[in-house]
Amino acid sequence: MKKRNLIAVATAAVLVGACIPSVNPFYTDKDIVFDTRLVGEWQEKGKADGPDAWKFEKSGDNGYKLTVTEKEGKEGKFDARLFKLKEECFLDLIPTGCNYATNQADLVAFSMFPGHLLVRVTQFEPVLKLSFFNFDWLQKFLDKNPKALAHHVEGKTENEDGHIILTAETRDLQKFVLKHLGKGELFDTDKPGEMIRKNAADSAGPSPK
């Protein structure tokens, strides 16, 4: 990208390499699962000095309320659904409230229209491993194959590449995701975001010098 305004903001948000929102959800009702291992408060692994935190609470029969708190004190709340496509686990996140408050988590800002964000969950225990879209790969792929997945590019100018909003139907989103799970494709699984339970981090005490 010539000027990565979206990515520049993303560096301030925990675990976010690129948040690409979708108008439609990535799941159907039959795909939803609930896993108690997700419930609780998690913080960035290896970040003892004001780490970002994700708190999952059960909501309804099979959903989660997610509260993201960033190190600067910004906060965002999401409706989260854990779901499976074949044997792969994912989280679909959508903000429960969008505003331009100065203390709002950056992760909310990516869905100000609002939109669904997709997170791949590759491990639950003992470390929660999460991967977002590989923005560079997806952008290059859609530039070369614009009809592969319905989308809209927002804010594109001569000097700005803009950012992608997915407009495809759920079934097409799922097919695309499953087709591009390979190494170096849709998800950056080489360097997933790693989170540990906050109580485990507290009980471990400060890291040795």
N, C-alpha and C. Protein backbone atom coordinates (compact mmCIF):
# COMPACT_ATOMS: atom_id res chain seq x y z
N MET A 1 0.84 -1.19 0.00
CA MET A 1 0.00 0.00 0.00
C MET A 1 0.88 1.25 0.00
N LYS A 2 0.41 2.31 -0.63
CA LYS A 2 1.19 3.54 -0.68
C LYS A 2 1.14 4.25 0.66
N LYS A 3 -0.05 4.35 1.21
CA LYS A 3 -0.20 4.94 2.54
C LYS A 3 -1.18 4.09 3.30
N ARG A 4 -0.72 3.36 4.27
CA ARG A 4 -1.58 2.41 4.96
C ARG A 4 -2.22 3.05 6.19
N ASN A 5 -3.19 3.92 5.96
CA ASN A 5 -3.84 4.56 7.09
C ASN A 5 -4.49 3.52 7.99
N LEU A 6 -5.15 2.53 7.38
CA LEU A 6 -5.82 1.51 8.18
C LEU A 6 -4.82 0.71 8.97
N ILE A 7 -3.71 0.32 8.34
CA ILE A 7 -2.72 -0.47 9.04
C ILE A 7 -2.00 0.35 10.09
N ALA A 8 -1.79 1.62 9.81
CA ALA A 8 -1.13 2.47 10.79
C ALA A 8 -1.93 2.53 12.07
N VAL A 9 -3.25 2.60 11.95
CA VAL A 9 -4.10 2.58 13.13
C VAL A 9 -4.06 1.21 13.77
N ALA A 10 -3.99 0.18 12.95
CA ALA A 10 -4.04 -1.19 13.47
C ALA A 10 -2.87 -1.51 14.37
N THR A 11 -1.73 -0.86 14.16
CA THR A 11 -0.58 -1.16 15.00
C THR A 11 -0.84 -0.80 16.45
N ALA A 12 -1.82 0.05 16.69
CA ALA A 12 -2.15 0.44 18.06
C ALA A 12 -3.11 -0.54 18.69
N ALA A 13 -3.64 -1.46 17.93
CA ALA A 13 -4.63 -2.41 18.45
C ALA A 13 -4.01 -3.78 18.61
N VAL A 14 -4.30 -4.43 19.71
CA VAL A 14 -3.72 -5.73 20.01
C VAL A 14 -4.10 -6.75 18.96
N LEU A 15 -3.09 -7.52 18.54
CA LEU A 15 -3.27 -8.68 17.67
C LEU A 15 -3.75 -8.37 16.27
N VAL A 16 -3.95 -7.10 15.93
CA VAL A 16 -4.61 -6.80 14.67
C VAL A 16 -3.61 -6.49 13.58
N GLY A 17 -3.42 -7.42 12.64
CA GLY A 17 -2.58 -7.14 11.50
C GLY A 17 -3.39 -6.39 10.46
N ALA A 18 -4.64 -6.76 10.30
CA ALA A 18 -5.56 -6.06 9.41
C ALA A 18 -6.97 -6.50 9.72
N CYS A 19 -7.84 -5.55 9.98
CA CYS A 19 -9.25 -5.84 10.22
C CYS A 19 -10.04 -5.45 8.99
N ILE A 20 -10.60 -6.41 8.32
CA ILE A 20 -11.36 -6.15 7.11
C ILE A 20 -12.82 -6.52 7.38
N PRO A 21 -13.70 -5.53 7.49
CA PRO A 21 -15.08 -5.81 7.87
C PRO A 21 -15.91 -6.35 6.72
N SER A 22 -16.94 -7.07 7.09
CA SER A 22 -17.88 -7.63 6.12
C SER A 22 -19.29 -7.15 6.45
N VAL A 23 -20.05 -6.85 5.41
CA VAL A 23 -21.45 -6.45 5.60
C VAL A 23 -22.25 -7.62 6.17
N ASN A 24 -21.95 -8.83 5.73
CA ASN A 24 -22.69 -10.02 6.16
C ASN A 24 -21.87 -10.86 7.13
N PRO A 25 -22.53 -11.62 8.00
CA PRO A 25 -21.80 -12.49 8.94
C PRO A 25 -21.07 -13.59 8.20
N PHE A 26 -20.05 -14.13 8.86
CA PHE A 26 -19.27 -15.23 8.30
C PHE A 26 -19.86 -16.58 8.68
N TYR A 27 -20.92 -16.61 9.46
CA TYR A 27 -21.49 -17.86 9.96
C TYR A 27 -23.00 -17.92 9.70
N THR A 28 -23.52 -19.13 9.74
CA THR A 28 -24.97 -19.35 9.79
C THR A 28 -25.28 -19.98 11.15
N ASP A 29 -26.53 -20.05 11.50
CA ASP A 29 -26.90 -20.58 12.81
C ASP A 29 -26.37 -22.00 13.04
N LYS A 30 -26.34 -22.81 11.99
CA LYS A 30 -25.90 -24.20 12.15
C LYS A 30 -24.40 -24.31 12.40
N ASP A 31 -23.67 -23.25 12.12
CA ASP A 31 -22.21 -23.27 12.29
C ASP A 31 -21.77 -22.92 13.71
N ILE A 32 -22.67 -22.32 14.49
CA ILE A 32 -22.30 -21.78 15.81
C ILE A 32 -22.01 -22.90 16.81
N VAL A 33 -20.95 -22.71 17.58
CA VAL A 33 -20.61 -23.61 18.68
C VAL A 33 -20.31 -22.74 19.90
N PHE A 34 -20.30 -23.37 21.06
CA PHE A 34 -19.93 -22.66 22.28
C PHE A 34 -18.85 -23.46 22.99
N ASP A 35 -17.78 -22.80 23.38
CA ASP A 35 -16.67 -23.46 24.04
C ASP A 35 -16.35 -22.69 25.32
N THR A 36 -16.50 -23.35 26.45
CA THR A 36 -16.28 -22.69 27.74
C THR A 36 -14.83 -22.26 27.92
N ARG A 37 -13.90 -22.85 27.17
CA ARG A 37 -12.48 -22.48 27.31
C ARG A 37 -12.23 -21.02 26.93
N LEU A 38 -13.13 -20.45 26.17
CA LEU A 38 -12.94 -19.08 25.74
C LEU A 38 -13.33 -18.07 26.83
N VAL A 39 -14.23 -18.47 27.71
CA VAL A 39 -14.75 -17.57 28.74
C VAL A 39 -13.65 -17.17 29.72
N GLY A 40 -13.58 -15.89 30.03
CA GLY A 40 -12.58 -15.39 30.97
C GLY A 40 -11.88 -14.17 30.41
N GLU A 41 -10.87 -13.71 31.13
CA GLU A 41 -10.13 -12.53 30.71
C GLU A 41 -8.73 -12.93 30.27
N TRP A 42 -8.36 -12.46 29.08
CA TRP A 42 -7.09 -12.79 28.47
C TRP A 42 -6.27 -11.52 28.26
N GLN A 43 -4.95 -11.67 28.30
CA GLN A 43 -4.09 -10.54 28.01
C GLN A 43 -2.94 -10.99 27.13
N GLU A 44 -2.33 -10.03 26.45
CA GLU A 44 -1.23 -10.33 25.55
C GLU A 44 -0.12 -11.08 26.26
N LYS A 45 0.35 -12.12 25.63
CA LYS A 45 1.45 -12.90 26.19
C LYS A 45 2.74 -12.09 26.10
N GLY A 46 3.47 -12.06 27.23
CA GLY A 46 4.76 -11.40 27.24
C GLY A 46 4.70 -9.89 27.35
N LYS A 47 3.51 -9.34 27.63
CA LYS A 47 3.37 -7.89 27.78
C LYS A 47 2.91 -7.59 29.20
N ALA A 48 3.87 -7.46 30.11
CA ALA A 48 3.53 -7.21 31.52
C ALA A 48 3.20 -5.75 31.77
N ASP A 49 3.70 -4.85 30.94
CA ASP A 49 3.51 -3.42 31.15
C ASP A 49 2.27 -2.93 30.40
N GLY A 50 1.13 -2.96 31.09
CA GLY A 50 -0.11 -2.46 30.50
C GLY A 50 -0.55 -3.19 29.27
N PRO A 51 -0.66 -4.53 29.29
CA PRO A 51 -1.06 -5.26 28.10
C PRO A 51 -2.53 -5.03 27.76
N ASP A 52 -2.87 -5.20 26.49
CA ASP A 52 -4.26 -5.17 26.10
C ASP A 52 -4.96 -6.41 26.62
N ALA A 53 -6.27 -6.30 26.85
CA ALA A 53 -7.02 -7.42 27.43
C ALA A 53 -8.30 -7.66 26.65
N TRP A 54 -8.65 -8.93 26.50
CA TRP A 54 -9.91 -9.34 25.90
C TRP A 54 -10.67 -10.14 26.95
N LYS A 55 -11.88 -9.72 27.28
CA LYS A 55 -12.70 -10.41 28.27
C LYS A 55 -13.93 -11.00 27.59
N PHE A 56 -14.04 -12.33 27.63
CA PHE A 56 -15.18 -13.03 27.06
C PHE A 56 -16.14 -13.44 28.17
N GLU A 57 -17.42 -13.09 28.02
CA GLU A 57 -18.47 -13.50 28.95
C GLU A 57 -19.57 -14.19 28.15
N LYS A 58 -20.20 -15.19 28.75
CA LYS A 58 -21.28 -15.88 28.05
C LYS A 58 -22.45 -14.94 27.85
N SER A 59 -23.06 -14.99 26.68
CA SER A 59 -24.21 -14.17 26.35
C SER A 59 -25.27 -15.02 25.67
N GLY A 60 -26.40 -15.19 26.33
CA GLY A 60 -27.44 -16.06 25.77
C GLY A 60 -27.03 -17.51 25.84
N ASP A 61 -27.58 -18.32 24.93
CA ASP A 61 -27.30 -19.76 24.95
C ASP A 61 -25.95 -20.11 24.34
N ASN A 62 -25.55 -19.40 23.30
CA ASN A 62 -24.34 -19.83 22.59
C ASN A 62 -23.51 -18.67 22.05
N GLY A 63 -23.60 -17.53 22.71
CA GLY A 63 -22.82 -16.38 22.27
C GLY A 63 -21.92 -15.85 23.37
N TYR A 64 -21.15 -14.84 23.01
CA TYR A 64 -20.23 -14.22 23.96
C TYR A 64 -20.36 -12.70 23.89
N LYS A 65 -20.16 -12.07 25.02
CA LYS A 65 -19.97 -10.63 25.05
C LYS A 65 -18.47 -10.41 25.22
N LEU A 66 -17.87 -9.70 24.28
CA LEU A 66 -16.44 -9.45 24.31
C LEU A 66 -16.17 -7.98 24.63
N THR A 67 -15.34 -7.76 25.64
CA THR A 67 -14.89 -6.40 25.97
C THR A 67 -13.39 -6.32 25.72
N VAL A 68 -12.99 -5.44 24.83
CA VAL A 68 -11.58 -5.24 24.51
C VAL A 68 -11.12 -3.97 25.21
N THR A 69 -10.07 -4.09 26.02
CA THR A 69 -9.49 -2.94 26.70
C THR A 69 -8.05 -2.79 26.27
N GLU A 70 -7.72 -1.65 25.70
CA GLU A 70 -6.37 -1.42 25.21
C GLU A 70 -5.53 -0.70 26.26
N LYS A 71 -4.23 -0.77 26.07
CA LYS A 71 -3.30 -0.25 27.08
C LYS A 71 -3.48 1.24 27.34
N GLU A 72 -4.02 1.98 26.36
CA GLU A 72 -4.23 3.41 26.55
C GLU A 72 -5.53 3.70 27.30
N GLY A 73 -6.26 2.65 27.68
CA GLY A 73 -7.52 2.82 28.37
C GLY A 73 -8.73 2.82 27.46
N LYS A 74 -8.51 2.69 26.15
CA LYS A 74 -9.62 2.63 25.21
C LYS A 74 -10.36 1.31 25.38
N GLU A 75 -11.68 1.35 25.13
CA GLU A 75 -12.49 0.15 25.34
C GLU A 75 -13.51 0.00 24.23
N GLY A 76 -13.80 -1.24 23.88
CA GLY A 76 -14.82 -1.54 22.89
C GLY A 76 -15.55 -2.81 23.26
N LYS A 77 -16.84 -2.86 22.93
CA LYS A 77 -17.66 -4.04 23.25
C LYS A 77 -18.18 -4.65 21.95
N PHE A 78 -18.18 -5.99 21.94
CA PHE A 78 -18.56 -6.73 20.74
C PHE A 78 -19.51 -7.87 21.08
N ASP A 79 -20.35 -8.18 20.12
CA ASP A 79 -21.13 -9.42 20.14
C ASP A 79 -20.28 -10.43 19.39
N ALA A 80 -19.91 -11.52 20.02
CA ALA A 80 -19.00 -12.50 19.42
C ALA A 80 -19.70 -13.85 19.26
N ARG A 81 -19.43 -14.49 18.16
CA ARG A 81 -19.94 -15.84 17.91
C ARG A 81 -18.77 -16.72 17.50
N LEU A 82 -18.61 -17.83 18.20
CA LEU A 82 -17.63 -18.84 17.84
C LEU A 82 -18.32 -19.82 16.90
N PHE A 83 -17.66 -20.16 15.79
CA PHE A 83 -18.28 -21.09 14.85
C PHE A 83 -17.20 -21.94 14.19
N LYS A 84 -17.67 -23.03 13.58
CA LYS A 84 -16.75 -23.95 12.92
C LYS A 84 -17.13 -24.11 11.46
N LEU A 85 -16.11 -24.10 10.61
CA LEU A 85 -16.26 -24.47 9.21
C LEU A 85 -15.39 -25.70 9.01
N LYS A 86 -16.03 -26.82 8.73
CA LYS A 86 -15.35 -28.11 8.75
C LYS A 86 -14.75 -28.28 10.15
N GLU A 87 -13.43 -28.41 10.28
CA GLU A 87 -12.84 -28.58 11.61
C GLU A 87 -12.12 -27.33 12.09
N GLU A 88 -12.27 -26.22 11.37
CA GLU A 88 -11.58 -24.98 11.71
C GLU A 88 -12.49 -24.09 12.55
N CYS A 89 -11.90 -23.44 13.58
CA CYS A 89 -12.66 -22.55 14.46
C CYS A 89 -12.41 -21.09 14.13
N PHE A 90 -13.46 -20.29 14.23
CA PHE A 90 -13.39 -18.87 13.93
C PHE A 90 -14.26 -18.09 14.91
N LEU A 91 -13.94 -16.82 15.05
CA LEU A 91 -14.78 -15.88 15.79
C LEU A 91 -15.29 -14.82 14.82
N ASP A 92 -16.59 -14.54 14.91
CA ASP A 92 -17.19 -13.43 14.18
C ASP A 92 -17.49 -12.35 15.21
N LEU A 93 -16.90 -11.16 15.03
CA LEU A 93 -17.06 -10.07 15.97
C LEU A 93 -17.79 -8.90 15.32
N ILE A 94 -18.77 -8.34 16.03
CA ILE A 94 -19.43 -7.14 15.54
C ILE A 94 -19.65 -6.19 16.71
N PRO A 95 -19.31 -4.91 16.57
CA PRO A 95 -19.46 -3.98 17.68
C PRO A 95 -20.91 -3.85 18.12
N THR A 96 -21.13 -3.75 19.41
CA THR A 96 -22.48 -3.55 19.93
C THR A 96 -22.82 -2.08 20.03
N GLY A 97 -21.84 -1.23 19.82
CA GLY A 97 -22.07 0.21 19.82
C GLY A 97 -20.92 0.89 19.13
N CYS A 98 -21.21 1.84 18.23
CA CYS A 98 -20.15 2.55 17.51
C CYS A 98 -20.30 4.05 17.74
N ASN A 99 -19.22 4.66 18.17
CA ASN A 99 -19.19 6.11 18.31
C ASN A 99 -17.75 6.55 18.15
N TYR A 100 -17.54 7.85 18.22
CA TYR A 100 -16.20 8.38 18.02
C TYR A 100 -15.58 8.85 19.33
N ALA A 101 -15.96 8.18 20.41
CA ALA A 101 -15.41 8.53 21.72
C ALA A 101 -13.90 8.36 21.72
N THR A 102 -13.20 9.23 22.42
CA THR A 102 -11.75 9.18 22.42
C THR A 102 -11.21 7.97 23.16
N ASN A 103 -12.03 7.39 24.03
CA ASN A 103 -11.57 6.23 24.79
C ASN A 103 -12.05 4.92 24.19
N GLN A 104 -12.51 4.96 22.95
CA GLN A 104 -13.01 3.76 22.29
C GLN A 104 -11.87 2.93 21.72
N ALA A 105 -11.96 1.61 21.88
CA ALA A 105 -10.92 0.72 21.38
C ALA A 105 -10.78 0.85 19.86
N ASP A 106 -9.53 0.79 19.39
CA ASP A 106 -9.27 0.91 17.96
C ASP A 106 -9.98 -0.19 17.17
N LEU A 107 -10.14 -1.37 17.78
CA LEU A 107 -10.77 -2.48 17.08
C LEU A 107 -12.20 -2.13 16.67
N VAL A 108 -12.90 -1.31 17.47
CA VAL A 108 -14.24 -0.88 17.11
C VAL A 108 -14.21 0.01 15.87
N ALA A 109 -13.20 0.85 15.79
CA ALA A 109 -13.12 1.82 14.69
C ALA A 109 -13.08 1.15 13.33
N PHE A 110 -12.60 -0.09 13.27
CA PHE A 110 -12.52 -0.78 12.00
C PHE A 110 -13.90 -1.19 11.49
N SER A 111 -14.91 -1.16 12.35
CA SER A 111 -16.25 -1.57 11.95
C SER A 111 -17.25 -0.46 12.19
N MET A 112 -16.87 0.76 11.90
CA MET A 112 -17.74 1.88 12.22
C MET A 112 -19.00 1.90 11.37
N PHE A 113 -19.10 1.03 10.32
CA PHE A 113 -20.32 1.13 9.54
C PHE A 113 -21.50 0.34 10.09
N PRO A 114 -21.53 -0.58 11.06
CA PRO A 114 -20.46 -1.43 11.54
C PRO A 114 -20.40 -2.69 10.68
N GLY A 115 -19.40 -3.51 10.89
CA GLY A 115 -19.28 -4.72 10.10
C GLY A 115 -18.76 -5.87 10.92
N HIS A 116 -18.83 -7.05 10.33
CA HIS A 116 -18.37 -8.27 10.98
C HIS A 116 -16.87 -8.44 10.73
N LEU A 117 -16.13 -8.74 11.77
CA LEU A 117 -14.70 -9.02 11.67
C LEU A 117 -14.47 -10.50 11.91
N LEU A 118 -13.58 -11.10 11.14
CA LEU A 118 -13.31 -12.53 11.26
C LEU A 118 -11.96 -12.77 11.91
N VAL A 119 -11.94 -13.66 12.88
CA VAL A 119 -10.72 -14.05 13.58
C VAL A 119 -10.61 -15.57 13.53
N ARG A 120 -9.48 -16.07 13.14
CA ARG A 120 -9.25 -17.52 13.15
C ARG A 120 -8.66 -17.93 14.49
N VAL A 121 -9.25 -18.95 15.10
CA VAL A 121 -8.77 -19.45 16.39
C VAL A 121 -8.06 -20.77 16.15
N THR A 122 -6.74 -20.77 16.31
CA THR A 122 -5.97 -21.98 16.03
C THR A 122 -5.61 -22.76 17.29
N GLN A 123 -5.83 -22.15 18.46
CA GLN A 123 -5.54 -22.84 19.72
C GLN A 123 -6.28 -22.13 20.86
N PHE A 124 -6.82 -22.94 21.79
CA PHE A 124 -7.53 -22.40 22.95
C PHE A 124 -6.68 -22.45 24.22
N GLU A 125 -5.96 -23.52 24.41
CA GLU A 125 -5.21 -23.72 25.65
C GLU A 125 -3.81 -24.25 25.36
N PRO A 126 -2.83 -23.96 26.23
CA PRO A 126 -2.88 -23.01 27.36
C PRO A 126 -2.79 -21.57 26.90
N VAL A 127 -2.45 -21.37 25.61
CA VAL A 127 -2.35 -20.04 25.04
C VAL A 127 -3.43 -19.90 23.97
N LEU A 128 -4.17 -18.81 24.02
CA LEU A 128 -5.19 -18.53 23.02
C LEU A 128 -4.51 -17.89 21.81
N LYS A 129 -4.57 -18.56 20.67
CA LYS A 129 -3.90 -18.06 19.47
C LYS A 129 -4.94 -17.60 18.44
N LEU A 130 -4.81 -16.33 18.04
CA LEU A 130 -5.77 -15.70 17.14
C LEU A 130 -5.05 -15.11 15.93
N SER A 131 -5.67 -15.26 14.76
CA SER A 131 -5.10 -14.70 13.54
C SER A 131 -6.17 -13.92 12.79
N PHE A 132 -5.81 -12.68 12.37
CA PHE A 132 -6.69 -11.89 11.53
C PHE A 132 -6.26 -12.06 10.07
N PHE A 133 -7.03 -11.42 9.17
CA PHE A 133 -6.70 -11.49 7.76
C PHE A 133 -5.29 -10.96 7.48
N ASN A 134 -4.65 -11.59 6.52
CA ASN A 134 -3.40 -11.07 5.96
C ASN A 134 -3.80 -10.03 4.91
N PHE A 135 -3.81 -8.77 5.32
CA PHE A 135 -4.34 -7.70 4.47
C PHE A 135 -3.61 -7.60 3.14
N ASP A 136 -2.28 -7.65 3.17
CA ASP A 136 -1.51 -7.51 1.93
C ASP A 136 -1.85 -8.60 0.93
N TRP A 137 -1.96 -9.85 1.44
CA TRP A 137 -2.30 -10.95 0.54
C TRP A 137 -3.68 -10.76 -0.06
N LEU A 138 -4.66 -10.41 0.78
CA LEU A 138 -6.03 -10.27 0.30
C LEU A 138 -6.15 -9.12 -0.69
N GLN A 139 -5.49 -8.02 -0.40
CA GLN A 139 -5.56 -6.88 -1.30
C GLN A 139 -4.98 -7.23 -2.67
N LYS A 140 -3.82 -7.86 -2.69
CA LYS A 140 -3.19 -8.23 -3.96
C LYS A 140 -4.04 -9.26 -4.70
N PHE A 141 -4.60 -10.21 -3.96
CA PHE A 141 -5.42 -11.25 -4.59
C PHE A 141 -6.65 -10.63 -5.24
N LEU A 142 -7.34 -9.73 -4.52
CA LEU A 142 -8.55 -9.13 -5.06
C LEU A 142 -8.25 -8.14 -6.18
N ASP A 143 -7.07 -7.52 -6.14
CA ASP A 143 -6.67 -6.65 -7.25
C ASP A 143 -6.55 -7.46 -8.54
N LYS A 144 -5.99 -8.68 -8.41
CA LYS A 144 -5.81 -9.54 -9.58
C LYS A 144 -7.06 -10.32 -9.94
N ASN A 145 -7.90 -10.58 -8.92
CA ASN A 145 -9.11 -11.40 -9.12
C ASN A 145 -10.31 -10.69 -8.50
N PRO A 146 -10.72 -9.56 -9.05
CA PRO A 146 -11.76 -8.75 -8.43
C PRO A 146 -13.12 -9.44 -8.31
N LYS A 147 -13.35 -10.45 -9.14
CA LYS A 147 -14.64 -11.14 -9.09
C LYS A 147 -14.62 -12.38 -8.19
N ALA A 148 -13.47 -12.64 -7.57
CA ALA A 148 -13.37 -13.83 -6.72
C ALA A 148 -14.23 -13.71 -5.46
N LEU A 149 -14.42 -12.48 -4.99
CA LEU A 149 -15.23 -12.25 -3.79
C LEU A 149 -15.79 -10.84 -3.86
N ALA A 150 -17.09 -10.70 -3.70
CA ALA A 150 -17.72 -9.38 -3.79
C ALA A 150 -17.19 -8.47 -2.68
N HIS A 151 -16.78 -7.26 -3.07
CA HIS A 151 -16.21 -6.33 -2.11
C HIS A 151 -16.28 -4.91 -2.64
N HIS A 152 -16.01 -3.98 -1.76
CA HIS A 152 -15.97 -2.56 -2.12
C HIS A 152 -14.71 -1.96 -1.49
N VAL A 153 -14.03 -1.09 -2.23
CA VAL A 153 -12.84 -0.44 -1.70
C VAL A 153 -13.22 0.99 -1.29
N GLU A 154 -13.08 1.27 -0.03
CA GLU A 154 -13.47 2.56 0.54
C GLU A 154 -12.27 3.50 0.61
N GLY A 155 -12.47 4.75 0.17
CA GLY A 155 -11.46 5.79 0.33
C GLY A 155 -10.26 5.66 -0.58
N LYS A 156 -10.41 5.03 -1.73
CA LYS A 156 -9.29 4.86 -2.64
C LYS A 156 -9.10 6.13 -3.47
N THR A 157 -7.87 6.64 -3.51
CA THR A 157 -7.54 7.83 -4.30
C THR A 157 -6.23 7.55 -5.04
N GLU A 158 -5.72 8.57 -5.69
CA GLU A 158 -4.46 8.41 -6.43
C GLU A 158 -3.31 8.06 -5.49
N ASN A 159 -3.36 8.58 -4.27
CA ASN A 159 -2.28 8.34 -3.31
C ASN A 159 -2.66 7.41 -2.17
N GLU A 160 -3.90 6.97 -2.16
CA GLU A 160 -4.38 6.11 -1.09
C GLU A 160 -4.97 4.84 -1.70
N ASP A 161 -4.56 3.69 -1.18
CA ASP A 161 -5.13 2.44 -1.66
C ASP A 161 -6.50 2.18 -1.07
N GLY A 162 -6.84 2.87 0.02
CA GLY A 162 -8.14 2.66 0.64
C GLY A 162 -8.17 1.37 1.43
N HIS A 163 -9.35 1.02 1.94
CA HIS A 163 -9.49 -0.22 2.66
C HIS A 163 -10.70 -1.00 2.16
N ILE A 164 -10.65 -2.27 2.38
CA ILE A 164 -11.62 -3.20 1.78
C ILE A 164 -12.80 -3.43 2.71
N ILE A 165 -14.00 -3.41 2.14
CA ILE A 165 -15.20 -3.84 2.84
C ILE A 165 -15.79 -4.99 2.03
N LEU A 166 -15.96 -6.13 2.66
CA LEU A 166 -16.50 -7.30 1.97
C LEU A 166 -18.02 -7.21 1.90
N THR A 167 -18.57 -7.47 0.72
CA THR A 167 -20.02 -7.39 0.52
C THR A 167 -20.61 -8.73 0.09
N ALA A 168 -19.81 -9.77 0.06
CA ALA A 168 -20.27 -11.09 -0.38
C ALA A 168 -21.28 -11.69 0.59
N GLU A 169 -22.11 -12.60 0.08
CA GLU A 169 -23.05 -13.33 0.92
C GLU A 169 -22.29 -14.32 1.80
N THR A 170 -22.91 -14.72 2.90
CA THR A 170 -22.27 -15.60 3.87
C THR A 170 -21.71 -16.87 3.24
N ARG A 171 -22.50 -17.52 2.40
CA ARG A 171 -22.03 -18.79 1.80
C ARG A 171 -20.80 -18.57 0.93
N ASP A 172 -20.72 -17.42 0.24
CA ASP A 172 -19.55 -17.13 -0.59
C ASP A 172 -18.34 -16.77 0.27
N LEU A 173 -18.58 -16.08 1.38
CA LEU A 173 -17.50 -15.79 2.32
C LEU A 173 -16.90 -17.08 2.86
N GLN A 174 -17.75 -18.02 3.24
CA GLN A 174 -17.28 -19.28 3.80
C GLN A 174 -16.48 -20.08 2.79
N LYS A 175 -16.95 -20.14 1.56
CA LYS A 175 -16.23 -20.87 0.52
C LYS A 175 -14.85 -20.26 0.29
N PHE A 176 -14.80 -18.94 0.28
CA PHE A 176 -13.53 -18.25 0.05
C PHE A 176 -12.56 -18.51 1.19
N VAL A 177 -13.06 -18.42 2.42
CA VAL A 177 -12.22 -18.65 3.60
C VAL A 177 -11.62 -20.05 3.57
N LEU A 178 -12.46 -21.05 3.35
CA LEU A 178 -11.99 -22.43 3.35
C LEU A 178 -11.02 -22.71 2.21
N LYS A 179 -11.19 -22.03 1.11
CA LYS A 179 -10.32 -22.25 -0.05
C LYS A 179 -8.93 -21.67 0.16
N HIS A 180 -8.81 -20.67 1.07
CA HIS A 180 -7.54 -19.95 1.21
C HIS A 180 -7.00 -19.99 2.63
N LEU A 181 -7.01 -21.17 3.22
CA LEU A 181 -6.47 -21.37 4.56
C LEU A 181 -5.00 -21.77 4.55
N GLY A 182 -4.44 -21.89 3.37
CA GLY A 182 -3.06 -22.36 3.25
C GLY A 182 -2.04 -21.37 3.77
N LYS A 183 -0.85 -21.85 3.96
CA LYS A 183 0.27 -21.04 4.45
C LYS A 183 0.51 -19.87 3.49
N GLY A 184 0.63 -18.67 4.04
CA GLY A 184 0.90 -17.50 3.22
C GLY A 184 -0.30 -16.96 2.48
N GLU A 185 -1.51 -17.43 2.84
CA GLU A 185 -2.71 -16.94 2.15
C GLU A 185 -3.52 -16.01 3.07
N LEU A 186 -4.78 -16.36 3.31
CA LEU A 186 -5.72 -15.43 3.93
C LEU A 186 -5.39 -15.05 5.36
N PHE A 187 -4.83 -15.99 6.13
CA PHE A 187 -4.52 -15.70 7.53
C PHE A 187 -3.02 -15.79 7.77
N ASP A 188 -2.53 -14.88 8.59
CA ASP A 188 -1.12 -14.88 8.95
C ASP A 188 -0.94 -15.77 10.18
N THR A 189 -0.83 -17.07 9.95
CA THR A 189 -0.72 -18.02 11.05
C THR A 189 0.72 -18.23 11.52
N ASP A 190 1.68 -17.69 10.79
CA ASP A 190 3.08 -17.82 11.22
C ASP A 190 3.34 -17.03 12.49
N LYS A 191 2.65 -15.90 12.61
CA LYS A 191 2.81 -15.05 13.79
C LYS A 191 1.44 -14.69 14.36
N PRO A 192 0.76 -15.68 14.94
CA PRO A 192 -0.57 -15.39 15.50
C PRO A 192 -0.46 -14.54 16.76
N GLY A 193 -1.52 -13.82 17.06
CA GLY A 193 -1.58 -13.12 18.33
C GLY A 193 -1.71 -14.16 19.44
N GLU A 194 -0.95 -14.02 20.50
CA GLU A 194 -0.99 -14.99 21.59
C GLU A 194 -1.44 -14.31 22.88
N MET A 195 -2.43 -14.92 23.53
CA MET A 195 -2.98 -14.37 24.77
C MET A 195 -3.00 -15.44 25.85
N ILE A 196 -2.78 -15.02 27.07
CA ILE A 196 -2.84 -15.93 28.21
C ILE A 196 -3.87 -15.40 29.20
N ARG A 197 -4.36 -16.30 30.04
CA ARG A 197 -5.36 -15.89 31.02
C ARG A 197 -4.76 -14.88 31.99
N LYS A 198 -5.51 -13.84 32.28
CA LYS A 198 -5.01 -12.77 33.12
C LYS A 198 -4.67 -13.27 34.52
N ASN A 199 -5.49 -14.15 35.09
CA ASN A 199 -5.20 -14.64 36.44
C ASN A 199 -3.93 -15.48 36.46
N ALA A 200 -3.66 -16.18 35.35
CA ALA A 200 -2.43 -16.97 35.27
C ALA A 200 -1.22 -16.06 35.21
N ALA A 201 -1.36 -14.96 34.47
CA ALA A 201 -0.25 -14.00 34.36
C ALA A 201 0.00 -13.33 35.70
N ASP A 202 -1.08 -13.00 36.43
CA ASP A 202 -0.93 -12.34 37.73
C ASP A 202 -0.25 -13.25 38.75
N SER A 203 -0.66 -14.54 38.73
CA SER A 203 -0.11 -15.47 39.71
C SER A 203 1.35 -15.81 39.44
N ALA A 204 1.76 -15.64 38.17
CA ALA A 204 3.13 -15.96 37.81
C ALA A 204 4.11 -14.90 38.32
N GLY A 205 3.59 -13.70 38.60
CA GLY A 205 4.45 -12.64 39.11
C GLY A 205 5.26 -12.00 37.99
N PRO A 206 6.13 -11.06 38.33
CA PRO A 206 6.91 -10.35 37.30
C PRO A 206 7.90 -11.28 36.61
N SER A 207 8.19 -10.98 35.38
CA SER A 207 9.14 -11.80 34.64
C SER A 207 10.54 -11.58 35.19
N PRO A 208 11.37 -12.64 35.27
CA PRO A 208 12.73 -12.49 35.78
C PRO A 208 13.55 -11.62 34.85
N LYS A 209 14.46 -10.84 35.42
CA LYS A 209 15.30 -9.98 34.61
C LYS A 209 16.56 -10.73 34.19
